Amino acid sequence: MKNNKADFLISFFGLIISVVFIIIFIGKILEIRSTLESMDQYRNILNETHVLPLSYLSDLDNQVKNLRNREISGEGLKTKDPQGPEEHIGMIRDLLRNHKIEVERFRTIGKEGISASEFILNGEGVNFFNFLKEAPKIQLPLNYISIKPTSGFSKINATVRFNHVP
């Protein structure tokens, strides 16, 4: 009888250890699959990115030189009325919404007479990098970025801060 109980206990613990091993193994497989999907998304974005020709870069360099010469010579550039921080924040929120990025928290910060908007975001890494690619359209200096991956590898938590230059 004792042998039957011992055999049963050995079989029971063997079964429990096997189930735990299978659960861990399936978890690792799902983690690898998620990583591979993220790699495919990043590879597709990289394939869609085009390298700028040197002629375009030299044209930009010439434009920068012309603008600096205008500043030095005192020619004023005609610009439209500056937008307020509320309009800039609205533009940032619209861009985030277009890229399906969730705003977890938002706050405004004022330091040394310069106000800034800080967004704490949650979303797909690919969507966030697409947002960063289009962020220069807002024409606000992006002075802080912090990116932390979440457990799923394709999602990230990010913090971005835009300065509102007067």
C-alpha atoms as a PDB file:
ATOM      1  CA  MET A   1       0.000   0.000   0.000  1.00  0.00           C
ATOM      2  CA  LYS A   2       2.789   2.371   0.783  1.00  0.00           C
ATOM      3  CA  ASN A   3       4.235   1.825  -2.666  1.00  0.00           C
ATOM      4  CA  ASN A   4       0.899   2.786  -4.246  1.00  0.00           C
ATOM      5  CA  LYS A   5       0.780   6.054  -2.272  1.00  0.00           C
ATOM      6  CA  ALA A   6       4.400   6.819  -3.093  1.00  0.00           C
ATOM      7  CA  ASP A   7       3.822   6.074  -6.786  1.00  0.00           C
ATOM      8  CA  PHE A   8       0.720   8.245  -6.742  1.00  0.00           C
ATOM      9  CA  LEU A   9       2.585  11.162  -5.095  1.00  0.00           C
ATOM     10  CA  ILE A  10       5.472  10.871  -7.538  1.00  0.00           C
ATOM     11  CA  SER A  11       3.038  10.815 -10.468  1.00  0.00           C
ATOM     12  CA  PHE A  12       1.061  13.758  -9.027  1.00  0.00           C
ATOM     13  CA  PHE A  13       4.155  15.940  -8.501  1.00  0.00           C
ATOM     14  CA  GLY A  14       5.447  14.922 -11.926  1.00  0.00           C
ATOM     15  CA  LEU A  15       2.149  16.026 -13.451  1.00  0.00           C
ATOM     16  CA  ILE A  16       2.218  19.369 -11.593  1.00  0.00           C
ATOM     17  CA  ILE A  17       5.812  20.041 -12.653  1.00  0.00           C
ATOM     18  CA  SER A  18       4.898  19.140 -16.250  1.00  0.00           C
ATOM     19  CA  VAL A  19       1.914  21.519 -16.236  1.00  0.00           C
ATOM     20  CA  VAL A  20       4.031  24.362 -14.820  1.00  0.00           C
ATOM     21  CA  PHE A  21       6.715  23.701 -17.432  1.00  0.00           C
ATOM     22  CA  ILE A  22       4.112  23.706 -20.238  1.00  0.00           C
ATOM     23  CA  ILE A  23       2.598  27.003 -18.991  1.00  0.00           C
ATOM     24  CA  ILE A  24       6.040  28.645 -18.853  1.00  0.00           C
ATOM     25  CA  PHE A  25       6.883  27.260 -22.292  1.00  0.00           C
ATOM     26  CA  ILE A  26       3.644  28.595 -23.822  1.00  0.00           C
ATOM     27  CA  GLY A  27       4.274  32.007 -22.212  1.00  0.00           C
ATOM     28  CA  LYS A  28       7.746  32.164 -23.758  1.00  0.00           C
ATOM     29  CA  ILE A  29       6.358  31.164 -27.164  1.00  0.00           C
ATOM     30  CA  LEU A  30       3.763  33.971 -26.971  1.00  0.00           C
ATOM     31  CA  GLU A  31       6.488  36.439 -25.947  1.00  0.00           C
ATOM     32  CA  ILE A  32       8.651  35.384 -28.907  1.00  0.00           C
ATOM     33  CA  ARG A  33       5.682  35.662 -31.279  1.00  0.00           C
ATOM     34  CA  SER A  34       4.957  39.200 -30.039  1.00  0.00           C
ATOM     35  CA  THR A  35       8.607  40.157 -30.509  1.00  0.00           C
ATOM     36  CA  LEU A  36       8.633  38.765 -34.047  1.00  0.00           C
ATOM     37  CA  GLU A  37       5.473  40.719 -34.917  1.00  0.00           C
ATOM     38  CA  SER A  38       7.056  43.921 -33.598  1.00  0.00           C
ATOM     39  CA  MET A  39      10.196  43.229 -35.620  1.00  0.00           C
ATOM     40  CA  ASP A  40       8.082  42.794 -38.758  1.00  0.00           C
ATOM     41  CA  GLN A  41       6.303  46.095 -38.116  1.00  0.00           C
ATOM     42  CA  TYR A  42       9.606  47.928 -37.622  1.00  0.00           C
ATOM     43  CA  ARG A  43      11.086  46.247 -40.714  1.00  0.00           C
ATOM     44  CA  ASN A  44       8.095  47.408 -42.793  1.00  0.00           C
ATOM     45  CA  ILE A  45       8.476  50.973 -41.539  1.00  0.00           C
ATOM     46  CA  LEU A  46      12.195  50.870 -42.281  1.00  0.00           C
ATOM     47  CA  ASN A  47      11.512  49.631 -45.816  1.00  0.00           C
ATOM     48  CA  GLU A  48       9.059  52.506 -46.371  1.00  0.00           C
ATOM     49  CA  THR A  49      11.610  55.090 -45.191  1.00  0.00           C
ATOM     50  CA  HIS A  50      13.424  56.757 -48.051  1.00  0.00           C
ATOM     51  CA  VAL A  51      16.943  58.100 -47.881  1.00  0.00           C
ATOM     52  CA  LEU A  52      17.211  61.803 -48.666  1.00  0.00           C
ATOM     53  CA  PRO A  53      19.376  62.571 -51.684  1.00  0.00           C
ATOM     54  CA  LEU A  54      22.461  64.710 -51.123  1.00  0.00           C
ATOM     55  CA  SER A  55      21.090  67.401 -53.456  1.00  0.00           C
ATOM     56  CA  TYR A  56      18.079  67.856 -51.139  1.00  0.00           C
ATOM     57  CA  LEU A  57      20.355  68.173 -48.121  1.00  0.00           C
ATOM     58  CA  SER A  58      22.541  70.746 -49.892  1.00  0.00           C
ATOM     59  CA  ASP A  59      19.380  72.731 -50.785  1.00  0.00           C
ATOM     60  CA  LEU A  60      18.388  72.708 -47.111  1.00  0.00           C
ATOM     61  CA  ASP A  61      21.863  73.870 -46.159  1.00  0.00           C
ATOM     62  CA  ASN A  62      21.556  76.778 -48.624  1.00  0.00           C
ATOM     63  CA  GLN A  63      18.153  77.705 -47.203  1.00  0.00           C
ATOM     64  CA  VAL A  64      19.584  77.755 -43.675  1.00  0.00           C
ATOM     65  CA  LYS A  65      22.426  80.018 -44.803  1.00  0.00           C
ATOM     66  CA  ASN A  66      19.952  82.385 -46.493  1.00  0.00           C
ATOM     67  CA  LEU A  67      17.809  82.548 -43.347  1.00  0.00           C
ATOM     68  CA  ARG A  68      20.853  83.272 -41.187  1.00  0.00           C
ATOM     69  CA  ASN A  69      21.929  86.016 -43.591  1.00  0.00           C
ATOM     70  CA  ARG A  70      18.447  87.578 -43.325  1.00  0.00           C
ATOM     71  CA  GLU A  71      18.660  87.551 -39.519  1.00  0.00           C
ATOM     72  CA  ILE A  72      22.113  89.142 -39.585  1.00  0.00           C
ATOM     73  CA  SER A  73      21.163  91.794 -42.128  1.00  0.00           C
ATOM     74  CA  GLY A  74      18.087  92.705 -40.050  1.00  0.00           C
ATOM     75  CA  GLU A  75      15.395  91.663 -42.520  1.00  0.00           C
ATOM     76  CA  GLY A  76      12.342  90.621 -40.599  1.00  0.00           C
ATOM     77  CA  LEU A  77      10.526  87.516 -41.595  1.00  0.00           C
ATOM     78  CA  LYS A  78       6.779  87.908 -41.925  1.00  0.00           C
ATOM     79  CA  THR A  79       5.054  85.352 -39.776  1.00  0.00           C
ATOM     80  CA  LYS A  80       1.498  84.903 -38.736  1.00  0.00           C
ATOM     81  CA  ASP A  81       0.399  85.710 -35.217  1.00  0.00           C
ATOM     82  CA  PRO A  82       1.906  83.300 -32.713  1.00  0.00           C
ATOM     83  CA  GLN A  83      -0.428  80.595 -31.533  1.00  0.00           C
ATOM     84  CA  GLY A  84      -1.182  80.164 -27.887  1.00  0.00           C
ATOM     85  CA  PRO A  85      -0.280  77.073 -25.881  1.00  0.00           C
ATOM     86  CA  GLU A  86      -3.891  75.873 -26.053  1.00  0.00           C
ATOM     87  CA  GLU A  87      -3.753  75.677 -29.848  1.00  0.00           C
ATOM     88  CA  HIS A  88      -0.424  73.838 -29.739  1.00  0.00           C
ATOM     89  CA  ILE A  89      -1.762  71.366 -27.172  1.00  0.00           C
ATOM     90  CA  GLY A  90      -4.786  70.758 -29.392  1.00  0.00           C
ATOM     91  CA  MET A  91      -2.515  70.106 -32.371  1.00  0.00           C
ATOM     92  CA  ILE A  92      -0.430  67.642 -30.315  1.00  0.00           C
ATOM     93  CA  ARG A  93      -3.547  65.829 -29.098  1.00  0.00           C
ATOM     94  CA  ASP A  94      -4.893  65.594 -32.657  1.00  0.00           C
ATOM     95  CA  LEU A  95      -1.607  64.129 -33.875  1.00  0.00           C
ATOM     96  CA  LEU A  96      -1.601  61.619 -31.005  1.00  0.00           C
ATOM     97  CA  ARG A  97      -5.197  60.677 -31.770  1.00  0.00           C
ATOM     98  CA  ASN A  98      -4.331  60.193 -35.473  1.00  0.00           C
ATOM     99  CA  HIS A  99      -1.611  57.733 -34.482  1.00  0.00           C
ATOM    100  CA  LYS A 100      -3.861  55.898 -31.988  1.00  0.00           C
ATOM    101  CA  ILE A 101      -1.751  56.780 -28.966  1.00  0.00           C
ATOM    102  CA  GLU A 102      -3.511  57.003 -25.614  1.00  0.00           C
ATOM    103  CA  VAL A 103      -2.749  59.970 -23.356  1.00  0.00           C
ATOM    104  CA  GLU A 104      -2.542  58.635 -19.817  1.00  0.00           C
ATOM    105  CA  ARG A 105      -1.706  61.952 -18.171  1.00  0.00           C
ATOM    106  CA  PHE A 106      -1.099  65.513 -19.231  1.00  0.00           C
ATOM    107  CA  ARG A 107       0.312  68.493 -17.392  1.00  0.00           C
ATOM    108  CA  THR A 108       1.717  71.918 -18.082  1.00  0.00           C
ATOM    109  CA  ILE A 109       4.971  73.059 -16.547  1.00  0.00           C
ATOM    110  CA  GLY A 110       6.279  76.603 -16.207  1.00  0.00           C
ATOM    111  CA  LYS A 111       9.999  77.203 -15.719  1.00  0.00           C
ATOM    112  CA  GLU A 112      11.876  80.478 -16.064  1.00  0.00           C
ATOM    113  CA  GLY A 113       9.092  82.106 -18.038  1.00  0.00           C
ATOM    114  CA  ILE A 114       8.841  79.246 -20.549  1.00  0.00           C
ATOM    115  CA  SER A 115       5.845  76.983 -20.355  1.00  0.00           C
ATOM    116  CA  ALA A 116       5.905  73.355 -21.471  1.00  0.00           C
ATOM    117  CA  SER A 117       3.373  70.592 -22.019  1.00  0.00           C
ATOM    118  CA  GLU A 118       4.182  67.095 -20.800  1.00  0.00           C
ATOM    119  CA  PHE A 119       2.308  64.065 -22.104  1.00  0.00           C
ATOM    120  CA  ILE A 120       2.540  60.589 -20.576  1.00  0.00           C
ATOM    121  CA  LEU A 121       1.548  58.195 -23.330  1.00  0.00           C
ATOM    122  CA  ASN A 122       0.670  54.539 -23.747  1.00  0.00           C
ATOM    123  CA  GLY A 123       0.552  52.812 -27.115  1.00  0.00           C
ATOM    124  CA  GLU A 124       2.216  50.728 -29.777  1.00  0.00           C
ATOM    125  CA  GLY A 125       5.890  51.456 -30.344  1.00  0.00           C
ATOM    126  CA  VAL A 126       5.425  51.736 -34.098  1.00  0.00           C
ATOM    127  CA  ASN A 127       2.653  54.290 -33.682  1.00  0.00           C
ATOM    128  CA  PHE A 128       4.774  56.317 -31.260  1.00  0.00           C
ATOM    129  CA  PHE A 129       7.725  56.475 -33.648  1.00  0.00           C
ATOM    130  CA  ASN A 130       5.380  57.504 -36.464  1.00  0.00           C
ATOM    131  CA  PHE A 131       4.154  60.281 -34.162  1.00  0.00           C
ATOM    132  CA  LEU A 132       7.748  61.399 -33.564  1.00  0.00           C
ATOM    133  CA  LYS A 133       8.315  61.402 -37.314  1.00  0.00           C
ATOM    134  CA  GLU A 134       5.442  63.862 -37.773  1.00  0.00           C
ATOM    135  CA  ALA A 135       6.072  65.911 -34.599  1.00  0.00           C
ATOM    136  CA  PRO A 136       8.147  68.611 -36.391  1.00  0.00           C
ATOM    137  CA  LYS A 137       4.927  69.699 -38.172  1.00  0.00           C
ATOM    138  CA  ILE A 138       3.744  71.132 -34.849  1.00  0.00           C
ATOM    139  CA  GLN A 139       6.720  73.521 -34.833  1.00  0.00           C
ATOM    140  CA  LEU A 140       7.316  73.210 -31.107  1.00  0.00           C
ATOM    141  CA  PRO A 141      10.657  72.173 -29.651  1.00  0.00           C
ATOM    142  CA  LEU A 142      10.498  68.629 -28.337  1.00  0.00           C
ATOM    143  CA  ASN A 143      12.932  68.816 -25.443  1.00  0.00           C
ATOM    144  CA  TYR A 144      12.358  65.552 -23.544  1.00  0.00           C
ATOM    145  CA  ILE A 145      11.538  61.971 -24.507  1.00  0.00           C
ATOM    146  CA  SER A 146      11.488  58.931 -22.221  1.00  0.00           C
ATOM    147  CA  ILE A 147      10.504  55.509 -23.562  1.00  0.00           C
ATOM    148  CA  LYS A 148       9.906  52.422 -21.427  1.00  0.00           C
ATOM    149  CA  PRO A 149       8.728  49.083 -22.846  1.00  0.00           C
ATOM    150  CA  THR A 150       5.805  47.313 -21.240  1.00  0.00           C
ATOM    151  CA  SER A 151       5.567  43.584 -20.726  1.00  0.00           C
ATOM    152  CA  GLY A 152       4.104  42.898 -24.189  1.00  0.00           C
ATOM    153  CA  PHE A 153       7.150  44.267 -26.065  1.00  0.00           C
ATOM    154  CA  SER A 154       5.013  45.967 -28.716  1.00  0.00           C
ATOM    155  CA  LYS A 155       3.489  48.463 -26.266  1.00  0.00           C
ATOM    156  CA  ILE A 156       5.449  51.260 -24.664  1.00  0.00           C
ATOM    157  CA  ASN A 157       5.000  53.927 -22.021  1.00  0.00           C
ATOM    158  CA  ALA A 158       6.483  57.212 -23.174  1.00  0.00           C
ATOM    159  CA  THR A 159       6.842  60.696 -21.767  1.00  0.00           C
ATOM    160  CA  VAL A 160       7.287  63.641 -24.135  1.00  0.00           C
ATOM    161  CA  ARG A 161       7.647  67.327 -23.310  1.00  0.00           C
ATOM    162  CA  PHE A 162       7.131  70.215 -25.723  1.00  0.00           C
ATOM    163  CA  ASN A 163       8.304  73.765 -24.939  1.00  0.00           C
ATOM    164  CA  HIS A 164       5.994  76.654 -25.773  1.00  0.00           C
ATOM    165  CA  VAL A 165       8.454  79.268 -26.950  1.00  0.00           C
ATOM    166  CA  PRO A 166       6.959  82.792 -26.667  1.00  0.00           C
END
